[in-house]
């Protein structure tokens, strides 16, 4: 695993319950890579971190894991929206910008 992958996984570990980041948000926060590179890291090594807190920019879950994502979102109280409740995350309310513990997080990076 390279340093970029380690940094991506570290960001994901810090996303608070009930909050999410889009793939592109993580790349922007780190100042490197892009959504596809973050997605590649998550698909390869993301099983050990709260992967359901990483979504597409429109709030949709990881393809093939929709049921588990929605279940975990309900458990964590993640704001969702859609015709069917819980179809996707309400990005205006649930998006996390890293600021809650950013001083501590940035100190370690």
PDB file of N, CA and C in Angstrom:
ATOM      1  N   UNK A   1       0.845  -1.172   0.000  1.00  0.00           N
ATOM      2  CA  UNK A   1       0.000   0.000   0.000  1.00  0.00           C
ATOM      3  C   UNK A   1       0.895   1.241   0.000  1.00  0.00           C
ATOM      4  N   UNK A   2       0.591   2.186  -0.894  1.00  0.00           N
ATOM      5  CA  UNK A   2       1.409   3.394  -0.965  1.00  0.00           C
ATOM      6  C   UNK A   2       0.900   4.463   0.011  1.00  0.00           C
ATOM      7  N   UNK A   3       1.633   5.567   0.099  1.00  0.00           N
ATOM      8  CA  UNK A   3       1.278   6.632   1.048  1.00  0.00           C
ATOM      9  C   UNK A   3      -0.061   7.268   0.722  1.00  0.00           C
ATOM     10  N   UNK A   4      -0.379   7.417  -0.559  1.00  0.00           N
ATOM     11  CA  UNK A   4      -1.671   7.986  -0.932  1.00  0.00           C
ATOM     12  C   UNK A   4      -2.801   7.114  -0.385  1.00  0.00           C
ATOM     13  N   UNK A   5      -2.696   5.814  -0.552  1.00  0.00           N
ATOM     14  CA  UNK A   5      -3.726   4.904  -0.058  1.00  0.00           C
ATOM     15  C   UNK A   5      -3.854   5.006   1.459  1.00  0.00           C
ATOM     16  N   UNK A   6      -2.738   5.071   2.148  1.00  0.00           N
ATOM     17  CA  UNK A   6      -2.771   5.211   3.607  1.00  0.00           C
ATOM     18  C   UNK A   6      -3.469   6.500   4.017  1.00  0.00           C
ATOM     19  N   UNK A   7      -3.197   7.573   3.299  1.00  0.00           N
ATOM     20  CA  UNK A   7      -3.816   8.863   3.636  1.00  0.00           C
ATOM     21  C   UNK A   7      -5.320   8.830   3.371  1.00  0.00           C
ATOM     22  N   UNK A   8      -5.724   8.211   2.263  1.00  0.00           N
ATOM     23  CA  UNK A   8      -7.154   8.087   1.956  1.00  0.00           C
ATOM     24  C   UNK A   8      -7.851   7.319   3.078  1.00  0.00           C
ATOM     25  N   UNK A   9      -7.319   6.184   3.449  1.00  0.00           N
ATOM     26  CA  UNK A   9      -7.941   5.360   4.484  1.00  0.00           C
ATOM     27  C   UNK A   9      -7.973   6.077   5.827  1.00  0.00           C
ATOM     28  N   UNK A  10      -6.961   6.871   6.105  1.00  0.00           N
ATOM     29  CA  UNK A  10      -6.938   7.635   7.351  1.00  0.00           C
ATOM     30  C   UNK A  10      -8.058   8.675   7.368  1.00  0.00           C
ATOM     31  N   UNK A  11      -8.284   9.342   6.240  1.00  0.00           N
ATOM     32  CA  UNK A  11      -9.384  10.311   6.163  1.00  0.00           C
ATOM     33  C   UNK A  11     -10.708   9.593   6.404  1.00  0.00           C
ATOM     34  N   UNK A  12     -10.905   8.466   5.740  1.00  0.00           N
ATOM     35  CA  UNK A  12     -12.164   7.721   5.876  1.00  0.00           C
ATOM     36  C   UNK A  12     -12.389   7.292   7.323  1.00  0.00           C
ATOM     37  N   UNK A  13     -11.348   6.885   8.005  1.00  0.00           N
ATOM     38  CA  UNK A  13     -11.466   6.484   9.410  1.00  0.00           C
ATOM     39  C   UNK A  13     -11.928   7.638  10.298  1.00  0.00           C
ATOM     40  N   UNK A  14     -11.662   8.868   9.882  1.00  0.00           N
ATOM     41  CA  UNK A  14     -12.021  10.027  10.686  1.00  0.00           C
ATOM     42  C   UNK A  14     -13.398  10.622  10.359  1.00  0.00           C
ATOM     43  N   UNK A  15     -14.061  10.129   9.325  1.00  0.00           N
ATOM     44  CA  UNK A  15     -15.397  10.642   9.009  1.00  0.00           C
ATOM     45  C   UNK A  15     -16.325  10.225  10.147  1.00  0.00           C
ATOM     46  N   UNK A  16     -16.969  11.177  10.805  1.00  0.00           N
ATOM     47  CA  UNK A  16     -17.823  10.838  11.948  1.00  0.00           C
ATOM     48  C   UNK A  16     -19.061  10.038  11.524  1.00  0.00           C
ATOM     49  N   UNK A  17     -19.591   9.220  12.434  1.00  0.00           N
ATOM     50  CA  UNK A  17     -20.844   8.526  12.149  1.00  0.00           C
ATOM     51  C   UNK A  17     -21.929   9.537  11.765  1.00  0.00           C
ATOM     52  N   UNK A  18     -22.739   9.176  10.783  1.00  0.00           N
ATOM     53  CA  UNK A  18     -23.809  10.055  10.328  1.00  0.00           C
ATOM     54  C   UNK A  18     -23.374  11.087   9.309  1.00  0.00           C
ATOM     55  N   UNK A  19     -22.112  11.086   8.956  1.00  0.00           N
ATOM     56  CA  UNK A  19     -21.571  12.031   7.981  1.00  0.00           C
ATOM     57  C   UNK A  19     -20.934  11.257   6.840  1.00  0.00           C
ATOM     58  N   UNK A  20     -20.731  11.915   5.708  1.00  0.00           N
ATOM     59  CA  UNK A  20     -20.118  11.275   4.540  1.00  0.00           C
ATOM     60  C   UNK A  20     -19.190  12.241   3.830  1.00  0.00           C
ATOM     61  N   UNK A  21     -18.358  11.675   2.969  1.00  0.00           N
ATOM     62  CA  UNK A  21     -17.550  12.447   2.031  1.00  0.00           C
ATOM     63  C   UNK A  21     -17.682  11.763   0.680  1.00  0.00           C
ATOM     64  N   UNK A  22     -17.694  12.551  -0.370  1.00  0.00           N
ATOM     65  CA  UNK A  22     -17.662  11.996  -1.717  1.00  0.00           C
ATOM     66  C   UNK A  22     -16.217  11.648  -2.053  1.00  0.00           C
ATOM     67  N   UNK A  23     -16.041  10.780  -3.031  1.00  0.00           N
ATOM     68  CA  UNK A  23     -14.696  10.398  -3.461  1.00  0.00           C
ATOM     69  C   UNK A  23     -13.869  11.640  -3.796  1.00  0.00           C
ATOM     70  N   UNK A  24     -14.470  12.563  -4.533  1.00  0.00           N
ATOM     71  CA  UNK A  24     -13.773  13.787  -4.904  1.00  0.00           C
ATOM     72  C   UNK A  24     -13.468  14.683  -3.720  1.00  0.00           C
ATOM     73  N   UNK A  25     -14.341  14.660  -2.699  1.00  0.00           N
ATOM     74  CA  UNK A  25     -14.088  15.441  -1.485  1.00  0.00           C
ATOM     75  C   UNK A  25     -12.796  14.988  -0.819  1.00  0.00           C
ATOM     76  N   UNK A  26     -12.603  13.677  -0.781  1.00  0.00           N
ATOM     77  CA  UNK A  26     -11.399  13.134  -0.139  1.00  0.00           C
ATOM     78  C   UNK A  26     -10.160  13.554  -0.911  1.00  0.00           C
ATOM     79  N   UNK A  27     -10.216  13.445  -2.229  1.00  0.00           N
ATOM     80  CA  UNK A  27      -9.067  13.862  -3.053  1.00  0.00           C
ATOM     81  C   UNK A  27      -8.778  15.349  -2.852  1.00  0.00           C
ATOM     82  N   UNK A  28      -9.828  16.151  -2.834  1.00  0.00           N
ATOM     83  CA  UNK A  28      -9.653  17.590  -2.633  1.00  0.00           C
ATOM     84  C   UNK A  28      -9.076  17.878  -1.252  1.00  0.00           C
ATOM     85  N   UNK A  29      -9.569  17.207  -0.238  1.00  0.00           N
ATOM     86  CA  UNK A  29      -9.080  17.395   1.121  1.00  0.00           C
ATOM     87  C   UNK A  29      -7.587  17.074   1.215  1.00  0.00           C
ATOM     88  N   UNK A  30      -7.187  15.986   0.541  1.00  0.00           N
ATOM     89  CA  UNK A  30      -5.784  15.587   0.562  1.00  0.00           C
ATOM     90  C   UNK A  30      -4.916  16.432  -0.357  1.00  0.00           C
ATOM     91  N   UNK A  31      -5.545  17.077  -1.332  1.00  0.00           N
ATOM     92  CA  UNK A  31      -4.793  17.892  -2.282  1.00  0.00           C
ATOM     93  C   UNK A  31      -4.038  17.066  -3.302  1.00  0.00           C
ATOM     94  N   UNK A  32      -4.518  15.858  -3.545  1.00  0.00           N
ATOM     95  CA  UNK A  32      -3.881  15.006  -4.556  1.00  0.00           C
ATOM     96  C   UNK A  32      -4.865  13.955  -5.044  1.00  0.00           C
ATOM     97  N   UNK A  33      -4.580  13.406  -6.211  1.00  0.00           N
ATOM     98  CA  UNK A  33      -5.438  12.384  -6.790  1.00  0.00           C
ATOM     99  C   UNK A  33      -6.765  12.962  -7.231  1.00  0.00           C
ATOM    100  N   UNK A  34      -7.686  12.091  -7.489  1.00  0.00           N
ATOM    101  CA  UNK A  34      -9.022  12.476  -7.899  1.00  0.00           C
ATOM    102  C   UNK A  34      -9.996  11.405  -7.465  1.00  0.00           C
ATOM    103  N   UNK A  35     -11.276  11.568  -7.818  1.00  0.00           N
ATOM    104  CA  UNK A  35     -12.287  10.594  -7.394  1.00  0.00           C
ATOM    105  C   UNK A  35     -11.957   9.161  -7.808  1.00  0.00           C
ATOM    106  N   UNK A  36     -11.451   8.982  -9.003  1.00  0.00           N
ATOM    107  CA  UNK A  36     -11.141   7.614  -9.459  1.00  0.00           C
ATOM    108  C   UNK A  36     -10.007   6.987  -8.656  1.00  0.00           C
ATOM    109  N   UNK A  37      -9.017   7.777  -8.325  1.00  0.00           N
ATOM    110  CA  UNK A  37      -7.905   7.245  -7.539  1.00  0.00           C
ATOM    111  C   UNK A  37      -8.373   6.875  -6.127  1.00  0.00           C
ATOM    112  N   UNK A  38      -9.229   7.726  -5.544  1.00  0.00           N
ATOM    113  CA  UNK A  38      -9.786   7.417  -4.222  1.00  0.00           C
ATOM    114  C   UNK A  38     -10.643   6.155  -4.324  1.00  0.00           C
ATOM    115  N   UNK A  39     -11.440   6.053  -5.379  1.00  0.00           N
ATOM    116  CA  UNK A  39     -12.271   4.870  -5.579  1.00  0.00           C
ATOM    117  C   UNK A  39     -11.444   3.601  -5.700  1.00  0.00           C
ATOM    118  N   UNK A  40     -10.325   3.694  -6.378  1.00  0.00           N
ATOM    119  CA  UNK A  40      -9.439   2.534  -6.524  1.00  0.00           C
ATOM    120  C   UNK A  40      -8.903   2.106  -5.158  1.00  0.00           C
ATOM    121  N   UNK A  41      -8.496   3.076  -4.347  1.00  0.00           N
ATOM    122  CA  UNK A  41      -8.016   2.761  -2.994  1.00  0.00           C
ATOM    123  C   UNK A  41      -9.124   2.085  -2.196  1.00  0.00           C
ATOM    124  N   UNK A  42     -10.323   2.651  -2.262  1.00  0.00           N
ATOM    125  CA  UNK A  42     -11.430   2.098  -1.484  1.00  0.00           C
ATOM    126  C   UNK A  42     -11.800   0.688  -1.939  1.00  0.00           C
ATOM    127  N   UNK A  43     -11.772   0.452  -3.242  1.00  0.00           N
ATOM    128  CA  UNK A  43     -12.144  -0.884  -3.726  1.00  0.00           C
ATOM    129  C   UNK A  43     -11.081  -1.925  -3.380  1.00  0.00           C
ATOM    130  N   UNK A  44      -9.848  -1.500  -3.225  1.00  0.00           N
ATOM    131  CA  UNK A  44      -8.762  -2.433  -2.927  1.00  0.00           C
ATOM    132  C   UNK A  44      -8.573  -2.647  -1.430  1.00  0.00           C
ATOM    133  N   UNK A  45      -8.576  -1.561  -0.652  1.00  0.00           N
ATOM    134  CA  UNK A  45      -8.250  -1.649   0.770  1.00  0.00           C
ATOM    135  C   UNK A  45      -9.329  -1.109   1.703  1.00  0.00           C
ATOM    136  N   UNK A  46     -10.456  -0.690   1.204  1.00  0.00           N
ATOM    137  CA  UNK A  46     -11.454  -0.008   2.019  1.00  0.00           C
ATOM    138  C   UNK A  46     -12.283  -0.856   2.953  1.00  0.00           C
ATOM    139  N   UNK A  47     -12.146  -2.170   2.902  1.00  0.00           N
ATOM    140  CA  UNK A  47     -12.971  -3.036   3.743  1.00  0.00           C
ATOM    141  C   UNK A  47     -12.750  -2.879   5.232  1.00  0.00           C
ATOM    142  N   UNK A  48     -11.609  -2.349   5.636  1.00  0.00           N
ATOM    143  CA  UNK A  48     -11.297  -2.207   7.055  1.00  0.00           C
ATOM    144  C   UNK A  48     -11.650  -0.859   7.648  1.00  0.00           C
ATOM    145  N   UNK A  49     -12.232   0.017   6.853  1.00  0.00           N
ATOM    146  CA  UNK A  49     -12.628   1.353   7.320  1.00  0.00           C
ATOM    147  C   UNK A  49     -14.124   1.522   7.060  1.00  0.00           C
ATOM    148  N   UNK A  50     -14.755   2.558   7.602  1.00  0.00           N
ATOM    149  CA  UNK A  50     -16.192   2.751   7.386  1.00  0.00           C
ATOM    150  C   UNK A  50     -16.499   3.203   5.952  1.00  0.00           C
ATOM    151  N   UNK A  51     -16.379   2.283   5.025  1.00  0.00           N
ATOM    152  CA  UNK A  51     -16.521   2.532   3.585  1.00  0.00           C
ATOM    153  C   UNK A  51     -17.876   3.105   3.200  1.00  0.00           C
ATOM    154  N   UNK A  52     -18.921   2.827   3.967  1.00  0.00           N
ATOM    155  CA  UNK A  52     -20.265   3.326   3.660  1.00  0.00           C
ATOM    156  C   UNK A  52     -20.375   4.831   3.848  1.00  0.00           C
ATOM    157  N   UNK A  53     -19.366   5.437   4.442  1.00  0.00           N
ATOM    158  CA  UNK A  53     -19.346   6.893   4.617  1.00  0.00           C
ATOM    159  C   UNK A  53     -18.707   7.593   3.428  1.00  0.00           C
ATOM    160  N   UNK A  54     -18.329   6.844   2.406  1.00  0.00           N
ATOM    161  CA  UNK A  54     -17.777   7.395   1.167  1.00  0.00           C
ATOM    162  C   UNK A  54     -18.782   7.098   0.062  1.00  0.00           C
ATOM    163  N   UNK A  55     -19.284   8.161  -0.560  1.00  0.00           N
ATOM    164  CA  UNK A  55     -20.354   8.028  -1.550  1.00  0.00           C
ATOM    165  C   UNK A  55     -19.999   8.799  -2.816  1.00  0.00           C
ATOM    166  N   UNK A  56     -20.808   8.605  -3.836  1.00  0.00           N
ATOM    167  CA  UNK A  56     -20.669   9.416  -5.049  1.00  0.00           C
ATOM    168  C   UNK A  56     -21.113  10.842  -4.736  1.00  0.00           C
ATOM    169  N   UNK A  57     -20.717  11.785  -5.566  1.00  0.00           N
ATOM    170  CA  UNK A  57     -21.022  13.202  -5.332  1.00  0.00           C
ATOM    171  C   UNK A  57     -22.520  13.473  -5.258  1.00  0.00           C
ATOM    172  N   UNK A  58     -23.341  12.632  -5.888  1.00  0.00           N
ATOM    173  CA  UNK A  58     -24.795  12.832  -5.834  1.00  0.00           C
ATOM    174  C   UNK A  58     -25.428  12.150  -4.630  1.00  0.00           C
ATOM    175  N   UNK A  59     -24.619  11.531  -3.766  1.00  0.00           N
ATOM    176  CA  UNK A  59     -25.112  10.895  -2.556  1.00  0.00           C
ATOM    177  C   UNK A  59     -25.480   9.435  -2.710  1.00  0.00           C
ATOM    178  N   UNK A  60     -25.269   8.865  -3.891  1.00  0.00           N
ATOM    179  CA  UNK A  60     -25.606   7.457  -4.087  1.00  0.00           C
ATOM    180  C   UNK A  60     -24.514   6.566  -3.499  1.00  0.00           C
ATOM    181  N   UNK A  61     -24.932   5.383  -3.043  1.00  0.00           N
ATOM    182  CA  UNK A  61     -23.977   4.468  -2.412  1.00  0.00           C
ATOM    183  C   UNK A  61     -23.123   3.714  -3.418  1.00  0.00           C
ATOM    184  N   UNK A  62     -22.179   2.975  -2.881  1.00  0.00           N
ATOM    185  CA  UNK A  62     -21.301   2.139  -3.680  1.00  0.00           C
ATOM    186  C   UNK A  62     -22.145   1.085  -4.395  1.00  0.00           C
ATOM    187  N   UNK A  63     -22.034   0.965  -5.721  1.00  0.00           N
ATOM    188  CA  UNK A  63     -22.811  -0.042  -6.442  1.00  0.00           C
ATOM    189  C   UNK A  63     -22.527  -1.456  -5.926  1.00  0.00           C
ATOM    190  N   UNK A  64     -23.599  -2.204  -5.749  1.00  0.00           N
ATOM    191  CA  UNK A  64     -23.477  -3.559  -5.250  1.00  0.00           C
ATOM    192  C   UNK A  64     -23.529  -3.665  -3.740  1.00  0.00           C
ATOM    193  N   UNK A  65     -23.473  -2.520  -3.057  1.00  0.00           N
ATOM    194  CA  UNK A  65     -23.497  -2.516  -1.590  1.00  0.00           C
ATOM    195  C   UNK A  65     -24.604  -1.612  -1.058  1.00  0.00           C
ATOM    196  N   UNK A  66     -25.601  -1.347  -1.889  1.00  0.00           N
ATOM    197  CA  UNK A  66     -26.663  -0.399  -1.528  1.00  0.00           C
ATOM    198  C   UNK A  66     -27.407  -0.799  -0.255  1.00  0.00           C
ATOM    199  N   UNK A  67     -27.760  -2.073  -0.151  1.00  0.00           N
ATOM    200  CA  UNK A  67     -28.540  -2.524   1.007  1.00  0.00           C
ATOM    201  C   UNK A  67     -27.760  -2.316   2.302  1.00  0.00           C
ATOM    202  N   UNK A  68     -26.494  -2.739   2.319  1.00  0.00           N
ATOM    203  CA  UNK A  68     -25.696  -2.577   3.531  1.00  0.00           C
ATOM    204  C   UNK A  68     -25.438  -1.104   3.837  1.00  0.00           C
ATOM    205  N   UNK A  69     -25.189  -0.301   2.794  1.00  0.00           N
ATOM    206  CA  UNK A  69     -24.996   1.141   3.008  1.00  0.00           C
ATOM    207  C   UNK A  69     -26.220   1.734   3.691  1.00  0.00           C
ATOM    208  N   UNK A  70     -27.372   1.479   3.138  1.00  0.00           N
ATOM    209  CA  UNK A  70     -28.606   2.061   3.686  1.00  0.00           C
ATOM    210  C   UNK A  70     -28.852   1.607   5.114  1.00  0.00           C
ATOM    211  N   UNK A  71     -28.558   0.349   5.404  1.00  0.00           N
ATOM    212  CA  UNK A  71     -28.722  -0.149   6.764  1.00  0.00           C
ATOM    213  C   UNK A  71     -27.794   0.602   7.723  1.00  0.00           C
ATOM    214  N   UNK A  72     -26.546   0.768   7.327  1.00  0.00           N
ATOM    215  CA  UNK A  72     -25.583   1.464   8.183  1.00  0.00           C
ATOM    216  C   UNK A  72     -25.938   2.949   8.320  1.00  0.00           C
ATOM    217  N   UNK A  73     -26.433   3.552   7.224  1.00  0.00           N
ATOM    218  CA  UNK A  73     -26.864   4.953   7.313  1.00  0.00           C
ATOM    219  C   UNK A  73     -27.986   5.097   8.333  1.00  0.00           C
ATOM    220  N   UNK A  74     -28.944   4.171   8.307  1.00  0.00           N
ATOM    221  CA  UNK A  74     -30.051   4.212   9.284  1.00  0.00           C
ATOM    222  C   UNK A  74     -29.511   4.091  10.697  1.00  0.00           C
ATOM    223  N   UNK A  75     -28.615   3.132  10.910  1.00  0.00           N
ATOM    224  CA  UNK A  75     -28.029   2.919  12.240  1.00  0.00           C
ATOM    225  C   UNK A  75     -27.310   4.157  12.749  1.00  0.00           C
ATOM    226  N   UNK A  76     -26.639   4.887  11.859  1.00  0.00           N
ATOM    227  CA  UNK A  76     -25.848   6.050  12.259  1.00  0.00           C
ATOM    228  C   UNK A  76     -26.639   7.355  12.211  1.00  0.00           C
ATOM    229  N   UNK A  77     -27.862   7.308  11.692  1.00  0.00           N
ATOM    230  CA  UNK A  77     -28.660   8.527  11.593  1.00  0.00           C
ATOM    231  C   UNK A  77     -28.206   9.457  10.486  1.00  0.00           C
ATOM    232  N   UNK A  78     -27.633   8.915   9.436  1.00  0.00           N
ATOM    233  CA  UNK A  78     -27.175   9.715   8.299  1.00  0.00           C
ATOM    234  C   UNK A  78     -28.384  10.277   7.555  1.00  0.00           C
ATOM    235  N   UNK A  79     -28.451  11.583   7.326  1.00  0.00           N
ATOM    236  CA  UNK A  79     -29.583  12.168   6.587  1.00  0.00           C
ATOM    237  C   UNK A  79     -29.637  11.627   5.152  1.00  0.00           C
ATOM    238  N   UNK A  80     -30.790  11.127   4.766  1.00  0.00           N
ATOM    239  CA  UNK A  80     -30.963  10.600   3.413  1.00  0.00           C
ATOM    240  C   UNK A  80     -32.133  11.300   2.741  1.00  0.00           C
ATOM    241  N   UNK A  81     -32.275  11.020   1.440  1.00  0.00           N
ATOM    242  CA  UNK A  81     -33.371  11.597   0.673  1.00  0.00           C
ATOM    243  C   UNK A  81     -33.699  10.676  -0.481  1.00  0.00           C
ATOM    244  N   UNK A  82     -34.782  10.965  -1.153  1.00  0.00           N
ATOM    245  CA  UNK A  82     -35.185  10.179  -2.306  1.00  0.00           C
ATOM    246  C   UNK A  82     -36.644   9.802  -2.206  1.00  0.00           C
ATOM    247  N   UNK A  83     -37.187   9.325  -3.300  1.00  0.00           N
ATOM    248  CA  UNK A  83     -38.584   8.911  -3.333  1.00  0.00           C
ATOM    249  C   UNK A  83     -38.805   7.798  -2.319  1.00  0.00           C
ATOM    250  N   UNK A  84     -37.910   6.823  -2.316  1.00  0.00           N
ATOM    251  CA  UNK A  84     -37.921   5.780  -1.295  1.00  0.00           C
ATOM    252  C   UNK A  84     -36.943   6.244  -0.223  1.00  0.00           C
ATOM    253  N   UNK A  85     -37.369   6.329   1.042  1.00  0.00           N
ATOM    254  CA  UNK A  85     -36.454   6.795   2.085  1.00  0.00           C
ATOM    255  C   UNK A  85     -35.136   6.025   2.093  1.00  0.00           C
ATOM    256  N   UNK A  86     -34.060   6.763   2.210  1.00  0.00           N
ATOM    257  CA  UNK A  86     -32.747   6.154   2.294  1.00  0.00           C
ATOM    258  C   UNK A  86     -32.112   5.807   0.971  1.00  0.00           C
ATOM    259  N   UNK A  87     -32.693   6.260  -0.137  1.00  0.00           N
ATOM    260  CA  UNK A  87     -32.137   5.932  -1.448  1.00  0.00           C
ATOM    261  C   UNK A  87     -30.735   6.495  -1.617  1.00  0.00           C
ATOM    262  N   UNK A  88     -30.538   7.712  -1.143  1.00  0.00           N
ATOM    263  CA  UNK A  88     -29.207   8.308  -1.203  1.00  0.00           C
ATOM    264  C   UNK A  88     -29.052   9.294  -0.064  1.00  0.00           C
ATOM    265  N   UNK A  89     -27.822   9.667   0.178  1.00  0.00           N
ATOM    266  CA  UNK A  89     -27.503  10.591   1.261  1.00  0.00           C
ATOM    267  C   UNK A  89     -27.889  12.014   0.849  1.00  0.00           C
ATOM    268  N   UNK A  90     -28.407  12.767   1.794  1.00  0.00           N
ATOM    269  CA  UNK A  90     -28.677  14.187   1.586  1.00  0.00           C
ATOM    270  C   UNK A  90     -27.336  14.905   1.771  1.00  0.00           C
ATOM    271  N   UNK A  91     -26.669  15.168   0.674  1.00  0.00           N
ATOM    272  CA  UNK A  91     -25.311  15.715   0.722  1.00  0.00           C
ATOM    273  C   UNK A  91     -25.257  17.096   1.377  1.00  0.00           C
ATOM    274  N   UNK A  92     -26.295  17.879   1.263  1.00  0.00           N
ATOM    275  CA  UNK A  92     -26.268  19.213   1.906  1.00  0.00           C
ATOM    276  C   UNK A  92     -26.204  19.083   3.416  1.00  0.00           C
ATOM    277  N   UNK A  93     -26.828  18.061   3.955  1.00  0.00           N
ATOM    278  CA  UNK A  93     -26.877  17.906   5.408  1.00  0.00           C
ATOM    279  C   UNK A  93     -25.809  16.961   5.957  1.00  0.00           C
ATOM    280  N   UNK A  94     -25.369  16.004   5.151  1.00  0.00           N
ATOM    281  CA  UNK A  94     -24.474  14.964   5.673  1.00  0.00           C
ATOM    282  C   UNK A  94     -23.012  15.127   5.280  1.00  0.00           C
ATOM    283  N   UNK A  95     -22.711  15.979   4.305  1.00  0.00           N
ATOM    284  CA  UNK A  95     -21.327  16.099   3.830  1.00  0.00           C
ATOM    285  C   UNK A  95     -20.426  16.618   4.946  1.00  0.00           C
ATOM    286  N   UNK A  96     -19.308  15.956   5.131  1.00  0.00           N
ATOM    287  CA  UNK A  96     -18.318  16.341   6.136  1.00  0.00           C
ATOM    288  C   UNK A  96     -17.124  16.954   5.433  1.00  0.00           C
ATOM    289  N   UNK A  97     -16.665  18.087   5.927  1.00  0.00           N
ATOM    290  CA  UNK A  97     -15.540  18.771   5.277  1.00  0.00           C
ATOM    291  C   UNK A  97     -14.219  18.547   5.994  1.00  0.00           C
ATOM    292  N   UNK A  98     -14.226  17.710   7.019  1.00  0.00           N
ATOM    293  CA  UNK A  98     -12.993  17.417   7.741  1.00  0.00           C
ATOM    294  C   UNK A  98     -12.686  18.397   8.845  1.00  0.00           C
ATOM    295  N   UNK A  99     -13.549  19.368   9.077  1.00  0.00           N
ATOM    296  CA  UNK A  99     -13.223  20.447  10.007  1.00  0.00           C
ATOM    297  C   UNK A  99     -13.422  20.116  11.475  1.00  0.00           C
ATOM    298  N   UNK A 100     -14.178  19.100  11.819  1.00  0.00           N
ATOM    299  CA  UNK A 100     -14.468  18.838  13.225  1.00  0.00           C
ATOM    300  C   UNK A 100     -13.227  18.532  14.034  1.00  0.00           C
ATOM    301  N   UNK A 101     -12.324  17.769  13.463  1.00  0.00           N
ATOM    302  CA  UNK A 101     -11.079  17.477  14.161  1.00  0.00           C
ATOM    303  C   UNK A 101      -9.896  17.715  13.237  1.00  0.00           C
ATOM    304  N   UNK A 102     -10.043  18.708  12.378  1.00  0.00           N
ATOM    305  CA  UNK A 102      -9.020  18.921  11.356  1.00  0.00           C
ATOM    306  C   UNK A 102      -7.660  19.297  11.937  1.00  0.00           C
ATOM    307  N   UNK A 103      -7.615  20.012  13.058  1.00  0.00           N
ATOM    308  CA  UNK A 103      -6.324  20.388  13.636  1.00  0.00           C
ATOM    309  C   UNK A 103      -5.556  19.137  14.039  1.00  0.00           C
ATOM    310  N   UNK A 104      -6.223  18.225  14.726  1.00  0.00           N
ATOM    311  CA  UNK A 104      -5.577  16.983  15.131  1.00  0.00           C
ATOM    312  C   UNK A 104      -5.221  16.135  13.916  1.00  0.00           C
ATOM    313  N   UNK A 105      -6.156  16.056  12.958  1.00  0.00           N
ATOM    314  CA  UNK A 105      -5.924  15.247  11.773  1.00  0.00           C
ATOM    315  C   UNK A 105      -4.746  15.801  10.960  1.00  0.00           C
ATOM    316  N   UNK A 106      -4.749  17.101  10.717  1.00  0.00           N
ATOM    317  CA  UNK A 106      -3.679  17.709   9.923  1.00  0.00           C
ATOM    318  C   UNK A 106      -2.335  17.586  10.620  1.00  0.00           C
ATOM    319  N   UNK A 107      -2.352  17.625  11.941  1.00  0.00           N
ATOM    320  CA  UNK A 107      -1.119  17.509  12.705  1.00  0.00           C
ATOM    321  C   UNK A 107      -0.428  16.173  12.436  1.00  0.00           C
ATOM    322  N   UNK A 108      -1.213  15.148  12.170  1.00  0.00           N
ATOM    323  CA  UNK A 108      -0.655  13.811  11.927  1.00  0.00           C
ATOM    324  C   UNK A 108      -0.322  13.573  10.472  1.00  0.00           C
ATOM    325  N   UNK A 109      -0.492  14.550   9.597  1.00  0.00           N
ATOM    326  CA  UNK A 109      -0.255  14.339   8.161  1.00  0.00           C
ATOM    327  C   UNK A 109       0.694  15.356   7.604  1.00  0.00           C
TER     328      UNK A 109
END
